Amino acid sequence: MGEKDNQTISKQEHVHSAEQFDEFAAEQQEAMRDRIERAELASRENHENEGDAHHEASSLAKEADEKKRKIINETRFEKQKNKGAPSKKQLNESFNNQIKNIRDELGLGGKITSKIIHNPVIEAISDFVSSTLARPNALLSGSITAFITVTALYFLARHYGFQLSGFETIAAFIVGWFVGTLYDYLKSIFRKRKY
């Protein structure tokens, strides 16, 4: 075997080793592609899991805050319950908290109306009027008296031919209101005597 044969064998080995190298390179390339695809898939799953985890964590945090608020409110209620009658300060604090919570849920018009209605001066006037002038029995008896009186006066005026001035309704209501107020007063006196 000559040198030519050695070169041929060497070239064949080189070709053979080049083919092996190409196969090896193709296998390595395929393995790398496979690893990259798995890494991308894992990255996408991680990203989706992170989004799900973030959403779940935020909802768990909200639930925890609601439970904490509920426990705090129950604890306050239990403390107040055990102390006996609530003080005026506790009542005002509770009222203000309730009003604040309700106003947060109202629209702009409702908030403005609520602030006007719950103004201390207007509340005081409203309480006074409801306990003295605007008693249910007084209003009812005033309305019934005005209706009956004006109806009777209308038929009398029609029969005898005189004209009504319009003040009859107001006067009849005032008389009926006094009758209703007197009824409330007498009822409260007799109730006190019973007990």
N, C-alpha and C. Protein backbone atom coordinates (compact mmCIF):
# COMPACT_ATOMS: atom_id res chain seq x y z
N MET A 1 0.85 -1.15 0.00
CA MET A 1 0.00 0.00 0.00
C MET A 1 0.90 1.21 0.00
N GLY A 2 0.50 1.98 -0.87
CA GLY A 2 1.33 3.14 -1.02
C GLY A 2 0.74 4.33 -0.29
N GLU A 3 1.43 5.34 -0.59
CA GLU A 3 1.03 6.57 0.04
C GLU A 3 -0.34 7.01 -0.45
N LYS A 4 -0.64 6.66 -1.68
CA LYS A 4 -1.94 7.02 -2.22
C LYS A 4 -3.02 6.29 -1.48
N ASP A 5 -2.75 5.04 -1.19
CA ASP A 5 -3.74 4.26 -0.46
C ASP A 5 -3.95 4.82 0.94
N ASN A 6 -2.87 5.24 1.58
CA ASN A 6 -2.98 5.83 2.92
C ASN A 6 -3.79 7.12 2.87
N GLN A 7 -3.55 7.90 1.81
CA GLN A 7 -4.31 9.14 1.68
C GLN A 7 -5.78 8.84 1.42
N THR A 8 -6.05 7.79 0.63
CA THR A 8 -7.43 7.41 0.34
C THR A 8 -8.10 6.95 1.62
N ILE A 9 -7.39 6.11 2.38
CA ILE A 9 -7.94 5.63 3.66
C ILE A 9 -8.14 6.82 4.59
N SER A 10 -7.18 7.69 4.63
CA SER A 10 -7.27 8.85 5.49
C SER A 10 -8.45 9.71 5.06
N LYS A 11 -8.63 9.87 3.72
CA LYS A 11 -9.75 10.65 3.23
C LYS A 11 -11.06 9.95 3.57
N GLN A 12 -11.07 8.63 3.47
CA GLN A 12 -12.29 7.88 3.79
C GLN A 12 -12.60 8.01 5.28
N GLU A 13 -11.55 7.90 6.10
CA GLU A 13 -11.76 8.07 7.53
C GLU A 13 -12.25 9.50 7.82
N HIS A 14 -11.61 10.44 7.07
CA HIS A 14 -12.00 11.83 7.25
C HIS A 14 -13.44 12.04 6.80
N VAL A 15 -13.82 11.43 5.67
CA VAL A 15 -15.20 11.53 5.19
C VAL A 15 -16.12 10.83 6.16
N HIS A 16 -15.65 9.63 6.61
CA HIS A 16 -16.44 8.88 7.57
C HIS A 16 -16.58 9.66 8.86
N SER A 17 -15.51 10.25 9.36
CA SER A 17 -15.58 11.03 10.58
C SER A 17 -16.35 12.33 10.34
N ALA A 18 -16.31 12.90 9.13
CA ALA A 18 -17.09 14.09 8.81
C ALA A 18 -18.57 13.75 8.82
N GLU A 19 -18.93 12.56 8.30
CA GLU A 19 -20.32 12.13 8.33
C GLU A 19 -20.78 11.93 9.78
N GLN A 20 -19.91 11.33 10.57
CA GLN A 20 -20.24 11.16 11.99
C GLN A 20 -20.38 12.51 12.67
N PHE A 21 -19.45 13.39 12.28
CA PHE A 21 -19.51 14.73 12.87
C PHE A 21 -20.81 15.42 12.49
N ASP A 22 -21.21 15.30 11.21
CA ASP A 22 -22.46 15.91 10.76
C ASP A 22 -23.65 15.29 11.51
N GLU A 23 -23.62 13.98 11.68
CA GLU A 23 -24.69 13.31 12.42
C GLU A 23 -24.70 13.78 13.88
N PHE A 24 -23.51 13.84 14.43
CA PHE A 24 -23.38 14.30 15.82
C PHE A 24 -23.89 15.73 15.95
N ALA A 25 -23.50 16.58 14.98
CA ALA A 25 -23.92 17.97 15.01
C ALA A 25 -25.44 18.08 14.86
N ALA A 26 -26.02 17.25 13.97
CA ALA A 26 -27.47 17.27 13.78
C ALA A 26 -28.17 16.82 15.05
N GLU A 27 -27.63 15.77 15.70
CA GLU A 27 -28.22 15.30 16.95
C GLU A 27 -28.15 16.38 18.04
N GLN A 28 -26.98 17.02 18.11
CA GLN A 28 -26.81 18.08 19.10
C GLN A 28 -27.74 19.26 18.81
N GLN A 29 -27.87 19.58 17.53
CA GLN A 29 -28.75 20.67 17.13
C GLN A 29 -30.20 20.33 17.49
N GLU A 30 -30.60 19.10 17.24
CA GLU A 30 -31.95 18.65 17.57
C GLU A 30 -32.17 18.70 19.09
N ALA A 31 -31.15 18.25 19.83
CA ALA A 31 -31.24 18.28 21.30
C ALA A 31 -31.35 19.71 21.80
N MET A 32 -30.55 20.62 21.20
CA MET A 32 -30.61 22.03 21.60
C MET A 32 -31.99 22.62 21.29
N ARG A 33 -32.53 22.31 20.11
CA ARG A 33 -33.85 22.80 19.72
C ARG A 33 -34.90 22.29 20.72
N ASP A 34 -34.77 21.03 21.09
CA ASP A 34 -35.70 20.41 22.04
C ASP A 34 -35.61 21.12 23.40
N ARG A 35 -34.37 21.39 23.86
CA ARG A 35 -34.18 22.09 25.14
C ARG A 35 -34.78 23.50 25.09
N ILE A 36 -34.54 24.19 23.97
CA ILE A 36 -35.06 25.56 23.82
C ILE A 36 -36.59 25.55 23.85
N GLU A 37 -37.20 24.59 23.13
CA GLU A 37 -38.66 24.50 23.13
C GLU A 37 -39.20 24.21 24.52
N ARG A 38 -38.54 23.30 25.24
CA ARG A 38 -38.98 23.00 26.62
C ARG A 38 -38.82 24.22 27.52
N ALA A 39 -37.72 24.96 27.33
CA ALA A 39 -37.49 26.15 28.14
C ALA A 39 -38.54 27.22 27.84
N GLU A 40 -38.89 27.40 26.55
CA GLU A 40 -39.93 28.35 26.19
C GLU A 40 -41.28 27.94 26.76
N LEU A 41 -41.57 26.66 26.66
CA LEU A 41 -42.83 26.15 27.21
C LEU A 41 -42.88 26.37 28.72
N ALA A 42 -41.78 26.05 29.41
CA ALA A 42 -41.72 26.25 30.86
C ALA A 42 -41.86 27.73 31.20
N SER A 43 -41.23 28.58 30.37
CA SER A 43 -41.31 30.02 30.60
C SER A 43 -42.74 30.51 30.45
N ARG A 44 -43.44 30.04 29.40
CA ARG A 44 -44.85 30.43 29.21
C ARG A 44 -45.70 29.94 30.37
N GLU A 45 -45.49 28.69 30.78
CA GLU A 45 -46.26 28.16 31.91
C GLU A 45 -45.96 28.95 33.17
N ASN A 46 -44.70 29.29 33.39
CA ASN A 46 -44.33 30.10 34.55
C ASN A 46 -45.02 31.45 34.50
N HIS A 47 -45.02 32.06 33.32
CA HIS A 47 -45.65 33.38 33.17
C HIS A 47 -47.15 33.28 33.44
N GLU A 48 -47.80 32.24 32.90
CA GLU A 48 -49.22 32.05 33.17
C GLU A 48 -49.45 31.75 34.64
N ASN A 49 -48.59 30.93 35.22
CA ASN A 49 -48.71 30.61 36.64
C ASN A 49 -48.49 31.84 37.50
N GLU A 50 -47.56 32.70 37.08
CA GLU A 50 -47.34 33.93 37.84
C GLU A 50 -48.57 34.82 37.80
N GLY A 51 -49.21 34.92 36.62
CA GLY A 51 -50.44 35.72 36.51
C GLY A 51 -51.55 35.14 37.36
N ASP A 52 -51.71 33.82 37.29
CA ASP A 52 -52.72 33.16 38.12
C ASP A 52 -52.41 33.33 39.59
N ALA A 53 -51.11 33.18 39.93
CA ALA A 53 -50.71 33.31 41.33
C ALA A 53 -50.96 34.73 41.82
N HIS A 54 -50.66 35.71 40.99
CA HIS A 54 -50.88 37.11 41.37
C HIS A 54 -52.37 37.37 41.58
N HIS A 55 -53.19 36.88 40.67
CA HIS A 55 -54.64 37.06 40.79
C HIS A 55 -55.15 36.36 42.05
N GLU A 56 -54.68 35.15 42.28
CA GLU A 56 -55.12 34.40 43.46
C GLU A 56 -54.66 35.09 44.74
N ALA A 57 -53.43 35.60 44.72
CA ALA A 57 -52.91 36.28 45.91
C ALA A 57 -53.72 37.54 46.20
N SER A 58 -54.08 38.29 45.16
CA SER A 58 -54.85 39.52 45.40
C SER A 58 -56.25 39.19 45.92
N SER A 59 -56.88 38.14 45.39
CA SER A 59 -58.21 37.79 45.89
C SER A 59 -58.13 37.25 47.32
N LEU A 60 -57.06 36.50 47.64
CA LEU A 60 -56.89 36.03 49.01
C LEU A 60 -56.66 37.20 49.97
N ALA A 61 -55.91 38.20 49.50
CA ALA A 61 -55.67 39.38 50.33
C ALA A 61 -56.97 40.13 50.60
N LYS A 62 -57.82 40.25 49.57
CA LYS A 62 -59.11 40.92 49.76
C LYS A 62 -59.97 40.16 50.76
N GLU A 63 -60.00 38.84 50.62
CA GLU A 63 -60.79 38.03 51.55
C GLU A 63 -60.27 38.17 52.97
N ALA A 64 -58.94 38.20 53.10
CA ALA A 64 -58.34 38.34 54.42
C ALA A 64 -58.70 39.70 55.03
N ASP A 65 -58.67 40.76 54.21
CA ASP A 65 -59.05 42.08 54.70
C ASP A 65 -60.51 42.11 55.14
N GLU A 66 -61.39 41.49 54.37
CA GLU A 66 -62.81 41.45 54.74
C GLU A 66 -63.01 40.68 56.04
N LYS A 67 -62.31 39.54 56.17
CA LYS A 67 -62.44 38.76 57.40
C LYS A 67 -61.91 39.56 58.59
N LYS A 68 -60.79 40.26 58.36
CA LYS A 68 -60.20 41.05 59.44
C LYS A 68 -61.17 42.15 59.88
N ARG A 69 -61.78 42.85 58.88
CA ARG A 69 -62.75 43.89 59.21
C ARG A 69 -63.94 43.31 59.96
N LYS A 70 -64.40 42.16 59.51
CA LYS A 70 -65.55 41.52 60.15
C LYS A 70 -65.22 41.15 61.59
N ILE A 71 -64.03 40.61 61.80
CA ILE A 71 -63.62 40.22 63.16
C ILE A 71 -63.51 41.46 64.03
N ILE A 72 -62.93 42.53 63.49
CA ILE A 72 -62.79 43.77 64.27
C ILE A 72 -64.16 44.32 64.63
N ASN A 73 -65.09 44.32 63.67
CA ASN A 73 -66.44 44.81 63.96
C ASN A 73 -67.14 43.94 64.99
N GLU A 74 -66.97 42.62 64.88
CA GLU A 74 -67.58 41.72 65.86
C GLU A 74 -66.98 41.94 67.24
N THR A 75 -65.67 42.16 67.28
CA THR A 75 -65.01 42.40 68.55
C THR A 75 -65.52 43.70 69.17
N ARG A 76 -65.63 44.74 68.35
CA ARG A 76 -66.17 46.00 68.86
C ARG A 76 -67.59 45.80 69.38
N PHE A 77 -68.39 45.04 68.61
CA PHE A 77 -69.77 44.80 69.01
C PHE A 77 -69.80 44.05 70.33
N GLU A 78 -68.94 43.04 70.47
CA GLU A 78 -68.91 42.26 71.71
C GLU A 78 -68.49 43.14 72.89
N LYS A 79 -67.49 44.00 72.67
CA LYS A 79 -67.05 44.89 73.75
C LYS A 79 -68.18 45.82 74.16
N GLN A 80 -68.86 46.39 73.16
CA GLN A 80 -69.96 47.30 73.47
C GLN A 80 -71.11 46.55 74.12
N LYS A 81 -71.34 45.33 73.67
CA LYS A 81 -72.43 44.52 74.21
C LYS A 81 -72.18 44.20 75.69
N ASN A 82 -70.94 43.93 76.03
CA ASN A 82 -70.61 43.56 77.40
C ASN A 82 -70.59 44.76 78.34
N LYS A 83 -70.43 45.95 77.81
CA LYS A 83 -70.35 47.13 78.66
C LYS A 83 -71.70 47.63 79.14
N GLY A 84 -72.77 47.21 78.51
CA GLY A 84 -74.08 47.71 78.85
C GLY A 84 -74.55 48.67 77.78
N ALA A 85 -75.26 49.69 78.18
CA ALA A 85 -75.79 50.65 77.22
C ALA A 85 -74.64 51.46 76.61
N PRO A 86 -74.69 51.70 75.31
CA PRO A 86 -73.61 52.47 74.68
C PRO A 86 -73.69 53.94 75.08
N SER A 87 -72.53 54.54 75.16
CA SER A 87 -72.48 55.96 75.51
C SER A 87 -72.87 56.80 74.30
N LYS A 88 -73.07 58.08 74.55
CA LYS A 88 -73.43 58.97 73.46
C LYS A 88 -72.29 59.06 72.45
N LYS A 89 -71.06 59.02 72.93
CA LYS A 89 -69.90 59.07 72.06
C LYS A 89 -69.87 57.84 71.14
N GLN A 90 -70.13 56.66 71.71
CA GLN A 90 -70.15 55.42 70.92
C GLN A 90 -71.27 55.46 69.88
N LEU A 91 -72.43 55.97 70.27
CA LEU A 91 -73.54 56.08 69.34
C LEU A 91 -73.21 57.03 68.18
N ASN A 92 -72.63 58.17 68.51
CA ASN A 92 -72.25 59.13 67.47
C ASN A 92 -71.18 58.55 66.54
N GLU A 93 -70.21 57.84 67.12
CA GLU A 93 -69.15 57.22 66.32
C GLU A 93 -69.73 56.16 65.39
N SER A 94 -70.62 55.36 65.92
CA SER A 94 -71.26 54.32 65.11
C SER A 94 -72.11 54.95 64.00
N PHE A 95 -72.85 55.99 64.35
CA PHE A 95 -73.69 56.68 63.36
C PHE A 95 -72.82 57.28 62.24
N ASN A 96 -71.72 57.93 62.63
CA ASN A 96 -70.85 58.54 61.63
C ASN A 96 -70.20 57.50 60.72
N ASN A 97 -69.81 56.34 61.29
CA ASN A 97 -69.24 55.27 60.47
C ASN A 97 -70.26 54.73 59.48
N GLN A 98 -71.49 54.54 59.94
CA GLN A 98 -72.54 54.03 59.06
C GLN A 98 -72.85 55.03 57.95
N ILE A 99 -72.96 56.30 58.30
CA ILE A 99 -73.24 57.33 57.30
C ILE A 99 -72.11 57.39 56.27
N LYS A 100 -70.86 57.29 56.74
CA LYS A 100 -69.72 57.34 55.83
C LYS A 100 -69.75 56.16 54.86
N ASN A 101 -70.02 54.96 55.38
CA ASN A 101 -70.08 53.77 54.52
C ASN A 101 -71.20 53.88 53.49
N ILE A 102 -72.34 54.38 53.91
CA ILE A 102 -73.48 54.51 52.99
C ILE A 102 -73.21 55.59 51.95
N ARG A 103 -72.62 56.71 52.38
CA ARG A 103 -72.33 57.79 51.43
C ARG A 103 -71.31 57.35 50.38
N ASP A 104 -70.39 56.46 50.75
CA ASP A 104 -69.41 55.96 49.78
C ASP A 104 -70.09 55.22 48.64
N GLU A 105 -71.24 54.63 48.90
CA GLU A 105 -71.95 53.86 47.88
C GLU A 105 -72.93 54.72 47.07
N LEU A 106 -73.21 55.94 47.53
CA LEU A 106 -74.17 56.80 46.84
C LEU A 106 -73.51 57.57 45.70
N GLY A 107 -74.35 58.06 44.80
CA GLY A 107 -73.88 58.93 43.73
C GLY A 107 -73.71 60.34 44.26
N LEU A 108 -73.30 61.25 43.38
CA LEU A 108 -73.03 62.63 43.79
C LEU A 108 -74.28 63.31 44.36
N GLY A 109 -75.43 63.15 43.69
CA GLY A 109 -76.67 63.76 44.18
C GLY A 109 -77.08 63.21 45.53
N GLY A 110 -76.96 61.91 45.70
CA GLY A 110 -77.30 61.28 46.98
C GLY A 110 -76.39 61.74 48.11
N LYS A 111 -75.10 61.91 47.80
CA LYS A 111 -74.16 62.39 48.82
C LYS A 111 -74.52 63.79 49.28
N ILE A 112 -74.84 64.67 48.32
CA ILE A 112 -75.19 66.05 48.67
C ILE A 112 -76.48 66.08 49.49
N THR A 113 -77.48 65.31 49.05
CA THR A 113 -78.74 65.26 49.79
C THR A 113 -78.52 64.72 51.20
N SER A 114 -77.70 63.69 51.32
CA SER A 114 -77.42 63.11 52.63
C SER A 114 -76.74 64.11 53.55
N LYS A 115 -75.78 64.88 53.00
CA LYS A 115 -75.09 65.86 53.84
C LYS A 115 -76.05 66.95 54.30
N ILE A 116 -76.99 67.34 53.43
CA ILE A 116 -77.96 68.38 53.82
C ILE A 116 -78.91 67.84 54.89
N ILE A 117 -79.46 66.65 54.65
CA ILE A 117 -80.45 66.08 55.57
C ILE A 117 -79.83 65.79 56.94
N HIS A 118 -78.59 65.30 56.94
CA HIS A 118 -77.97 64.90 58.21
C HIS A 118 -77.14 66.01 58.84
N ASN A 119 -77.34 67.23 58.39
CA ASN A 119 -76.73 68.38 59.04
C ASN A 119 -77.34 68.49 60.44
N PRO A 120 -76.53 68.68 61.48
CA PRO A 120 -77.06 68.70 62.85
C PRO A 120 -78.19 69.71 63.07
N VAL A 121 -78.09 70.87 62.46
CA VAL A 121 -79.14 71.89 62.65
C VAL A 121 -80.46 71.41 62.03
N ILE A 122 -80.38 70.90 60.83
CA ILE A 122 -81.60 70.44 60.15
C ILE A 122 -82.18 69.23 60.87
N GLU A 123 -81.32 68.34 61.37
CA GLU A 123 -81.83 67.19 62.13
C GLU A 123 -82.54 67.64 63.40
N ALA A 124 -81.99 68.63 64.08
CA ALA A 124 -82.63 69.13 65.31
C ALA A 124 -84.01 69.72 65.00
N ILE A 125 -84.08 70.51 63.94
CA ILE A 125 -85.37 71.11 63.55
C ILE A 125 -86.37 70.02 63.16
N SER A 126 -85.89 69.05 62.39
CA SER A 126 -86.76 67.95 61.96
C SER A 126 -87.27 67.14 63.15
N ASP A 127 -86.40 66.87 64.11
CA ASP A 127 -86.83 66.12 65.30
C ASP A 127 -87.87 66.90 66.10
N PHE A 128 -87.65 68.21 66.23
CA PHE A 128 -88.61 69.04 66.96
C PHE A 128 -89.97 69.04 66.27
N VAL A 129 -89.96 69.25 64.95
CA VAL A 129 -91.21 69.31 64.21
C VAL A 129 -91.93 67.96 64.25
N SER A 130 -91.18 66.87 64.12
CA SER A 130 -91.84 65.55 64.12
C SER A 130 -92.39 65.19 65.49
N SER A 131 -91.80 65.73 66.55
CA SER A 131 -92.31 65.38 67.88
C SER A 131 -93.41 66.33 68.35
N THR A 132 -93.59 67.46 67.68
CA THR A 132 -94.62 68.41 68.12
C THR A 132 -95.66 68.67 67.03
N LEU A 133 -95.26 69.27 65.93
CA LEU A 133 -96.22 69.72 64.92
C LEU A 133 -96.69 68.60 64.00
N ALA A 134 -95.80 67.76 63.58
CA ALA A 134 -96.13 66.76 62.55
C ALA A 134 -96.42 65.39 63.15
N ARG A 135 -97.22 65.35 64.17
CA ARG A 135 -97.61 64.08 64.78
C ARG A 135 -98.58 63.37 63.84
N PRO A 136 -98.46 62.06 63.70
CA PRO A 136 -99.32 61.33 62.76
C PRO A 136 -100.81 61.50 63.05
N ASN A 137 -101.19 61.38 64.30
CA ASN A 137 -102.61 61.52 64.63
C ASN A 137 -103.11 62.94 64.37
N ALA A 138 -102.27 63.93 64.64
CA ALA A 138 -102.66 65.32 64.41
C ALA A 138 -102.84 65.58 62.91
N LEU A 139 -101.93 65.09 62.09
CA LEU A 139 -102.04 65.28 60.64
C LEU A 139 -103.24 64.53 60.07
N LEU A 140 -103.45 63.32 60.54
CA LEU A 140 -104.58 62.53 60.05
C LEU A 140 -105.90 63.19 60.42
N SER A 141 -106.04 63.57 61.68
CA SER A 141 -107.32 64.19 62.09
C SER A 141 -107.50 65.54 61.42
N GLY A 142 -106.43 66.29 61.20
CA GLY A 142 -106.54 67.57 60.49
C GLY A 142 -106.99 67.36 59.06
N SER A 143 -106.46 66.36 58.39
CA SER A 143 -106.84 66.08 57.00
C SER A 143 -108.28 65.62 56.90
N ILE A 144 -108.68 64.72 57.77
CA ILE A 144 -110.07 64.22 57.74
C ILE A 144 -111.05 65.35 58.05
N THR A 145 -110.73 66.16 59.06
CA THR A 145 -111.61 67.29 59.41
C THR A 145 -111.72 68.27 58.26
N ALA A 146 -110.59 68.58 57.64
CA ALA A 146 -110.61 69.52 56.50
C ALA A 146 -111.45 68.95 55.36
N PHE A 147 -111.31 67.67 55.06
CA PHE A 147 -112.08 67.07 53.97
C PHE A 147 -113.57 67.13 54.24
N ILE A 148 -113.98 66.70 55.44
CA ILE A 148 -115.41 66.66 55.77
C ILE A 148 -115.99 68.08 55.83
N THR A 149 -115.26 69.01 56.46
CA THR A 149 -115.75 70.38 56.61
C THR A 149 -115.86 71.08 55.26
N VAL A 150 -114.85 70.96 54.42
CA VAL A 150 -114.88 71.64 53.12
C VAL A 150 -115.95 71.03 52.23
N THR A 151 -116.14 69.72 52.30
CA THR A 151 -117.20 69.09 51.51
C THR A 151 -118.57 69.61 51.94
N ALA A 152 -118.81 69.65 53.25
CA ALA A 152 -120.10 70.15 53.76
C ALA A 152 -120.28 71.62 53.39
N LEU A 153 -119.23 72.44 53.56
CA LEU A 153 -119.33 73.86 53.21
C LEU A 153 -119.57 74.07 51.72
N TYR A 154 -118.98 73.23 50.89
CA TYR A 154 -119.17 73.34 49.45
C TYR A 154 -120.64 73.13 49.08
N PHE A 155 -121.24 72.06 49.66
CA PHE A 155 -122.65 71.81 49.35
C PHE A 155 -123.56 72.91 49.91
N LEU A 156 -123.25 73.42 51.10
CA LEU A 156 -124.02 74.53 51.67
C LEU A 156 -123.89 75.79 50.81
N ALA A 157 -122.66 76.08 50.37
CA ALA A 157 -122.44 77.27 49.55
C ALA A 157 -123.15 77.14 48.21
N ARG A 158 -123.17 75.97 47.67
CA ARG A 158 -123.85 75.74 46.40
C ARG A 158 -125.37 75.88 46.57
N HIS A 159 -125.89 75.36 47.67
CA HIS A 159 -127.33 75.40 47.92
C HIS A 159 -127.81 76.82 48.21
N TYR A 160 -127.05 77.56 49.07
CA TYR A 160 -127.47 78.90 49.47
C TYR A 160 -126.90 80.00 48.57
N GLY A 161 -125.96 79.65 47.73
CA GLY A 161 -125.46 80.60 46.75
C GLY A 161 -124.36 81.54 47.22
N PHE A 162 -123.60 81.19 48.23
CA PHE A 162 -122.48 82.06 48.60
C PHE A 162 -121.17 81.44 48.10
N GLN A 163 -120.12 82.26 48.06
CA GLN A 163 -118.84 81.82 47.51
C GLN A 163 -117.85 81.52 48.64
N LEU A 164 -117.05 80.45 48.46
CA LEU A 164 -116.03 80.09 49.43
C LEU A 164 -114.76 80.91 49.17
N SER A 165 -114.05 81.28 50.25
CA SER A 165 -112.86 82.12 50.10
C SER A 165 -111.57 81.30 49.91
N GLY A 166 -111.56 80.08 50.34
CA GLY A 166 -110.35 79.25 50.25
C GLY A 166 -109.68 79.06 51.60
N PHE A 167 -109.98 79.94 52.55
CA PHE A 167 -109.41 79.83 53.89
C PHE A 167 -110.09 78.72 54.69
N GLU A 168 -111.25 78.29 54.25
CA GLU A 168 -112.01 77.26 54.98
C GLU A 168 -111.19 75.98 55.15
N THR A 169 -110.46 75.59 54.11
CA THR A 169 -109.66 74.36 54.17
C THR A 169 -108.57 74.49 55.23
N ILE A 170 -107.88 75.62 55.22
CA ILE A 170 -106.79 75.83 56.19
C ILE A 170 -107.34 75.87 57.61
N ALA A 171 -108.42 76.58 57.82
CA ALA A 171 -109.02 76.68 59.16
C ALA A 171 -109.50 75.31 59.65
N ALA A 172 -110.13 74.54 58.77
CA ALA A 172 -110.62 73.21 59.17
C ALA A 172 -109.45 72.28 59.50
N PHE A 173 -108.37 72.41 58.73
CA PHE A 173 -107.19 71.57 59.02
C PHE A 173 -106.61 71.92 60.38
N ILE A 174 -106.51 73.21 60.69
CA ILE A 174 -105.95 73.64 61.98
C ILE A 174 -106.81 73.13 63.13
N VAL A 175 -108.13 73.23 62.99
CA VAL A 175 -109.03 72.71 64.04
C VAL A 175 -108.83 71.21 64.20
N GLY A 176 -108.78 70.47 63.11
CA GLY A 176 -108.57 69.03 63.17
C GLY A 176 -107.21 68.67 63.74
N TRP A 177 -106.20 69.49 63.43
CA TRP A 177 -104.86 69.24 63.97
C TRP A 177 -104.87 69.38 65.49
N PHE A 178 -105.55 70.40 66.00
CA PHE A 178 -105.66 70.58 67.45
C PHE A 178 -106.38 69.40 68.10
N VAL A 179 -107.42 68.90 67.45
CA VAL A 179 -108.15 67.74 67.98
C VAL A 179 -107.21 66.52 68.04
N GLY A 180 -106.42 66.29 66.99
CA GLY A 180 -105.48 65.17 66.96
C GLY A 180 -104.39 65.31 68.01
N THR A 181 -103.88 66.52 68.20
CA THR A 181 -102.86 66.77 69.22
C THR A 181 -103.43 66.54 70.62
N LEU A 182 -104.65 67.00 70.85
CA LEU A 182 -105.32 66.78 72.14
C LEU A 182 -105.49 65.28 72.39
N TYR A 183 -105.85 64.55 71.34
CA TYR A 183 -106.00 63.09 71.46
C TYR A 183 -104.66 62.44 71.86
N ASP A 184 -103.58 62.83 71.22
CA ASP A 184 -102.25 62.28 71.56
C ASP A 184 -101.88 62.60 73.00
N TYR A 185 -102.14 63.82 73.42
CA TYR A 185 -101.80 64.24 74.77
C TYR A 185 -102.58 63.43 75.81
N LEU A 186 -103.90 63.30 75.60
CA LEU A 186 -104.72 62.54 76.54
C LEU A 186 -104.32 61.06 76.56
N LYS A 187 -104.01 60.54 75.40
CA LYS A 187 -103.60 59.13 75.33
C LYS A 187 -102.31 58.90 76.12
N SER A 188 -101.36 59.83 76.01
CA SER A 188 -100.09 59.67 76.74
C SER A 188 -100.31 59.80 78.25
N ILE A 189 -101.24 60.66 78.69
CA ILE A 189 -101.52 60.80 80.12
C ILE A 189 -102.13 59.51 80.67
N PHE A 190 -103.09 58.96 79.95
CA PHE A 190 -103.73 57.74 80.44
C PHE A 190 -102.80 56.54 80.41
N ARG A 191 -101.90 56.50 79.48
CA ARG A 191 -100.91 55.41 79.45
C ARG A 191 -99.98 55.49 80.64
N LYS A 192 -99.58 56.70 81.01
CA LYS A 192 -98.66 56.88 82.16
C LYS A 192 -99.37 56.43 83.43
N ARG A 193 -100.64 56.70 83.56
CA ARG A 193 -101.38 56.32 84.76
C ARG A 193 -101.52 54.80 84.87
N LYS A 194 -101.63 54.13 83.73
CA LYS A 194 -101.76 52.67 83.74
C LYS A 194 -100.51 52.01 84.32
N TYR A 195 -99.38 52.51 83.95
CA TYR A 195 -98.13 51.88 84.36
C TYR A 195 -97.64 52.53 85.57
